[in-house]
Amino acid sequence: MRRHMLQAVDRLSLYLPVLLMGLLALGTWWLVRNAPTPLAATAPKVAPDQPDYSMKVFAVKSFDAKGRLQSEVQGDTARHFPATDTLEIDKARMRSIALDGRLTFATSDRALSNADGSEVQLFGNAIVTREAIPARQGASAQPRLEFRGEFLHAFTQEEKVRSNQPVQLTRGSDRFTADAMEYNNLDQVLQLSGRVRGMLMPGGTAAPK
């Protein structure tokens, strides 16, 4: 009898490690199954009409593929809206540099710019100025050109300015006012609509077409 018990104990000792490993695996599975699920990390959601970040006293520059500076936007405060990828700027100050070095400046109480600064809407005391261009080989000189209004829509890379509100245009010593306008600097075409008035000074340069 004692011999049979010893044999049984010996057989049990052979399978004991296997049984312990099985119990350990079963216990681990039970713990994993019954453990509370960790909360997934979620980024805070921003309402479509709310900015996701802001900047103060800033400057944003845009370069072309060759590293040439195309435009620069500065302001007192800026707010970025992720839903439209636009930048709203208080006390905006901008400049654009054409391929031939022509400079265009813009200022306004408030501005709304797209991501690369190629399209800018100016609100309140809006002014867009293209500096005078000296005469060059094959091209005549062009006087200083300035637009003023409560709203101006500027396309810096296409060198266009338009507005559906009253504007004042000063070209050299000549002045024009209109209820709306569209100007294409590359084609030298100016379209004025609504109540249009002009004052051409003697000896002034030819006006745009």
Protein backbone atom coordinates (compact mmCIF):
# COMPACT_ATOMS: atom_id res chain seq x y z
CA MET A 1 0.00 0.00 0.00
CA ARG A 2 2.75 2.36 0.97
CA ARG A 3 4.57 1.50 -2.22
CA HIS A 4 1.53 2.45 -4.33
CA MET A 5 1.25 5.77 -2.50
CA LEU A 6 4.89 6.55 -3.15
CA GLN A 7 4.43 5.80 -6.83
CA ALA A 8 1.38 8.05 -6.95
CA VAL A 9 3.32 10.87 -5.26
CA ASP A 10 6.17 10.45 -7.74
CA ARG A 11 3.75 10.62 -10.71
CA LEU A 12 2.08 13.69 -9.23
CA SER A 13 5.42 15.40 -8.78
CA LEU A 14 6.14 14.86 -12.49
CA TYR A 15 2.90 16.61 -13.54
CA LEU A 16 2.94 19.28 -10.82
CA PRO A 17 4.99 21.80 -12.82
CA VAL A 18 2.63 21.38 -15.77
CA LEU A 19 -0.39 21.89 -13.52
CA LEU A 20 1.16 24.98 -11.95
CA MET A 21 1.92 26.46 -15.37
CA GLY A 22 -1.65 25.76 -16.45
CA LEU A 23 -3.07 27.41 -13.34
CA LEU A 24 -0.75 30.39 -13.85
CA ALA A 25 -1.87 30.79 -17.47
CA LEU A 26 -5.52 30.46 -16.45
CA GLY A 27 -5.07 33.07 -13.73
CA THR A 28 -3.35 35.47 -16.15
CA TRP A 29 -6.13 35.04 -18.72
CA TRP A 30 -8.74 35.73 -16.06
CA LEU A 31 -6.95 38.88 -14.89
CA VAL A 32 -6.61 40.21 -18.45
CA ARG A 33 -10.26 39.49 -19.22
CA ASN A 34 -11.58 41.10 -16.08
CA ALA A 35 -9.18 44.03 -15.86
CA PRO A 36 -10.79 47.44 -16.59
CA THR A 37 -10.26 48.69 -20.14
CA PRO A 38 -7.85 51.67 -20.22
CA LEU A 39 -9.33 54.91 -21.47
CA ALA A 40 -8.11 55.75 -24.96
CA ALA A 41 -6.18 58.98 -25.17
CA THR A 42 -8.21 61.43 -27.21
CA ALA A 43 -7.11 64.81 -28.43
CA PRO A 44 -9.39 67.64 -27.38
CA LYS A 45 -11.79 68.55 -30.14
CA VAL A 46 -11.96 72.15 -31.30
CA ALA A 47 -15.26 73.61 -32.46
CA PRO A 48 -15.23 74.55 -36.19
CA ASP A 49 -15.69 78.23 -35.36
CA GLN A 50 -12.99 78.26 -32.67
CA PRO A 51 -9.21 78.70 -33.21
CA ASP A 52 -6.84 75.90 -32.28
CA TYR A 53 -3.93 78.26 -31.55
CA SER A 54 -3.07 81.95 -31.50
CA MET A 55 0.07 84.11 -31.87
CA LYS A 56 1.03 87.56 -30.68
CA VAL A 57 3.44 89.99 -32.38
CA PHE A 58 4.32 87.49 -35.08
CA ALA A 59 5.68 87.21 -38.63
CA VAL A 60 4.95 84.43 -41.14
CA LYS A 61 7.06 84.15 -44.30
CA SER A 62 6.35 82.16 -47.47
CA PHE A 63 9.10 80.93 -49.82
CA ASP A 64 9.01 79.34 -53.26
CA ALA A 65 10.71 76.07 -54.22
CA LYS A 66 14.02 77.88 -54.79
CA GLY A 67 14.00 79.53 -51.37
CA ARG A 68 13.01 82.98 -52.67
CA LEU A 69 10.87 85.03 -50.30
CA GLN A 70 7.41 85.46 -51.82
CA SER A 71 5.39 87.07 -49.07
CA GLU A 72 5.47 88.06 -45.41
CA VAL A 73 2.56 88.56 -43.04
CA GLN A 74 2.86 90.36 -39.70
CA GLY A 75 0.34 91.39 -37.08
CA ASP A 76 -0.40 92.12 -33.45
CA THR A 77 -2.46 88.96 -32.91
CA ALA A 78 -3.36 86.00 -35.11
CA ARG A 79 -5.80 83.13 -34.67
CA HIS A 80 -5.68 79.92 -36.72
CA PHE A 81 -8.95 78.17 -37.63
CA PRO A 82 -8.29 74.49 -38.47
CA ALA A 83 -11.64 73.91 -40.21
CA THR A 84 -10.69 76.31 -43.03
CA ASP A 85 -6.90 76.47 -42.47
CA THR A 86 -7.10 80.26 -42.38
CA LEU A 87 -5.35 82.86 -40.27
CA GLU A 88 -7.29 85.81 -38.84
CA ILE A 89 -4.98 88.75 -38.09
CA ASP A 90 -5.46 91.92 -36.08
CA LYS A 91 -3.57 95.01 -37.32
CA ALA A 92 -2.27 93.15 -40.34
CA ARG A 93 0.83 94.23 -42.25
CA MET A 94 1.83 92.36 -45.38
CA ARG A 95 4.25 92.54 -48.25
CA SER A 96 4.62 90.55 -51.47
CA ILE A 97 7.70 90.33 -53.70
CA ALA A 98 7.22 89.53 -57.38
CA LEU A 99 9.78 87.61 -59.46
CA ASP A 100 11.17 90.87 -60.87
CA GLY A 101 11.46 92.41 -57.40
CA ARG A 102 8.29 94.51 -57.47
CA LEU A 103 7.01 95.22 -53.97
CA THR A 104 3.39 95.28 -52.88
CA PHE A 105 2.36 96.26 -49.34
CA ALA A 106 -0.97 95.89 -47.57
CA THR A 107 -2.33 96.99 -44.19
CA SER A 108 -5.74 96.76 -42.50
CA ASP A 109 -7.43 96.64 -39.11
CA ARG A 110 -8.20 92.95 -39.66
CA ALA A 111 -7.21 90.41 -42.29
CA LEU A 112 -8.10 86.85 -43.21
CA SER A 113 -5.35 84.92 -44.98
CA ASN A 114 -5.17 81.43 -46.44
CA ALA A 115 -2.36 79.03 -45.47
CA ASP A 116 0.35 80.35 -47.81
CA GLY A 117 -0.64 84.02 -47.82
CA SER A 118 -1.51 83.97 -51.53
CA GLU A 119 -5.08 85.14 -50.87
CA VAL A 120 -5.81 87.81 -48.27
CA GLN A 121 -9.05 89.59 -47.39
CA LEU A 122 -8.55 93.00 -45.76
CA PHE A 123 -11.23 94.56 -43.53
CA GLY A 124 -11.30 98.09 -42.11
CA ASN A 125 -8.97 100.88 -43.30
CA ALA A 126 -7.64 98.54 -45.97
CA ILE A 127 -4.73 99.83 -48.06
CA VAL A 128 -2.86 98.00 -50.82
CA THR A 129 0.16 99.76 -52.32
CA ARG A 130 2.40 98.77 -55.21
CA GLU A 131 5.58 100.78 -55.18
CA ALA A 132 6.67 102.75 -58.25
CA ILE A 133 8.59 100.76 -60.87
CA PRO A 134 11.49 102.49 -62.64
CA ALA A 135 11.91 102.24 -66.41
CA ARG A 136 13.71 99.15 -67.60
CA GLN A 137 14.89 97.83 -70.92
CA GLY A 138 11.77 97.15 -72.97
CA ALA A 139 9.42 98.42 -70.25
CA SER A 140 8.35 101.94 -69.29
CA ALA A 141 8.25 103.26 -65.74
CA GLN A 142 5.09 102.76 -63.70
CA PRO A 143 3.96 105.18 -60.98
CA ARG A 144 3.06 104.28 -57.44
CA LEU A 145 -0.35 102.60 -57.23
CA GLU A 146 -2.56 102.62 -54.14
CA PHE A 147 -6.00 101.18 -53.32
CA ARG A 148 -8.05 102.22 -50.28
CA GLY A 149 -11.36 100.96 -48.96
CA GLU A 150 -13.15 99.23 -46.11
CA PHE A 151 -12.72 95.90 -47.90
CA LEU A 152 -10.07 94.73 -50.35
CA HIS A 153 -9.44 91.20 -51.60
CA ALA A 154 -5.81 90.72 -52.64
CA PHE A 155 -4.30 87.81 -54.58
CA THR A 156 -0.59 88.31 -54.02
CA GLN A 157 0.86 85.76 -56.44
CA GLU A 158 -1.57 86.62 -59.25
CA GLU A 159 -1.11 90.35 -58.51
CA LYS A 160 -4.85 91.03 -58.44
CA VAL A 161 -6.94 93.26 -56.19
CA ARG A 162 -10.72 93.38 -56.18
CA SER A 163 -13.53 94.75 -54.05
CA ASN A 164 -17.33 94.77 -54.08
CA GLN A 165 -17.38 97.88 -51.88
CA PRO A 166 -16.49 101.56 -52.52
CA VAL A 167 -12.79 102.08 -53.24
CA GLN A 168 -10.36 104.88 -54.00
CA LEU A 169 -7.54 104.34 -56.48
CA THR A 170 -4.52 106.62 -56.68
CA ARG A 171 -2.08 106.13 -59.56
CA GLY A 172 0.71 108.64 -59.52
CA SER A 173 -1.12 111.98 -59.34
CA ASP A 174 -4.38 110.62 -60.81
CA ARG A 175 -7.31 109.58 -58.61
CA PHE A 176 -10.39 107.44 -59.19
CA THR A 177 -13.32 106.38 -57.01
CA ALA A 178 -15.89 103.66 -57.68
CA ASP A 179 -18.46 101.45 -55.99
CA ALA A 180 -16.51 98.32 -56.95
CA MET A 181 -13.41 97.44 -58.88
CA GLU A 182 -11.09 94.71 -60.11
CA TYR A 183 -7.44 95.28 -60.97
CA ASN A 184 -5.02 92.91 -62.69
CA ASN A 185 -1.47 94.21 -62.43
CA LEU A 186 0.03 91.62 -64.79
CA ASP A 187 -2.37 92.56 -67.61
CA GLN A 188 -2.51 96.24 -66.54
CA VAL A 189 -6.33 96.11 -66.67
CA LEU A 190 -8.52 98.10 -64.27
CA GLN A 191 -12.29 97.63 -64.17
CA LEU A 192 -14.35 100.18 -62.22
CA SER A 193 -18.10 99.81 -61.75
CA GLY A 194 -20.99 101.68 -60.14
CA ARG A 195 -20.56 105.41 -59.58
CA VAL A 196 -17.17 106.05 -61.13
CA ARG A 197 -15.36 109.37 -60.81
CA GLY A 198 -11.86 110.26 -61.92
CA MET A 199 -9.43 113.15 -61.75
CA LEU A 200 -6.58 113.09 -64.25
CA MET A 201 -3.75 115.53 -63.66
CA PRO A 202 -2.00 117.16 -66.62
CA GLY A 203 1.24 115.45 -67.52
CA GLY A 204 0.24 112.29 -65.66
CA THR A 205 1.13 108.86 -66.90
CA ALA A 206 -1.30 106.84 -68.93
CA ALA A 207 -3.93 105.09 -66.88
CA PRO A 208 -4.39 101.33 -66.97
CA LYS A 209 -6.65 99.95 -69.68
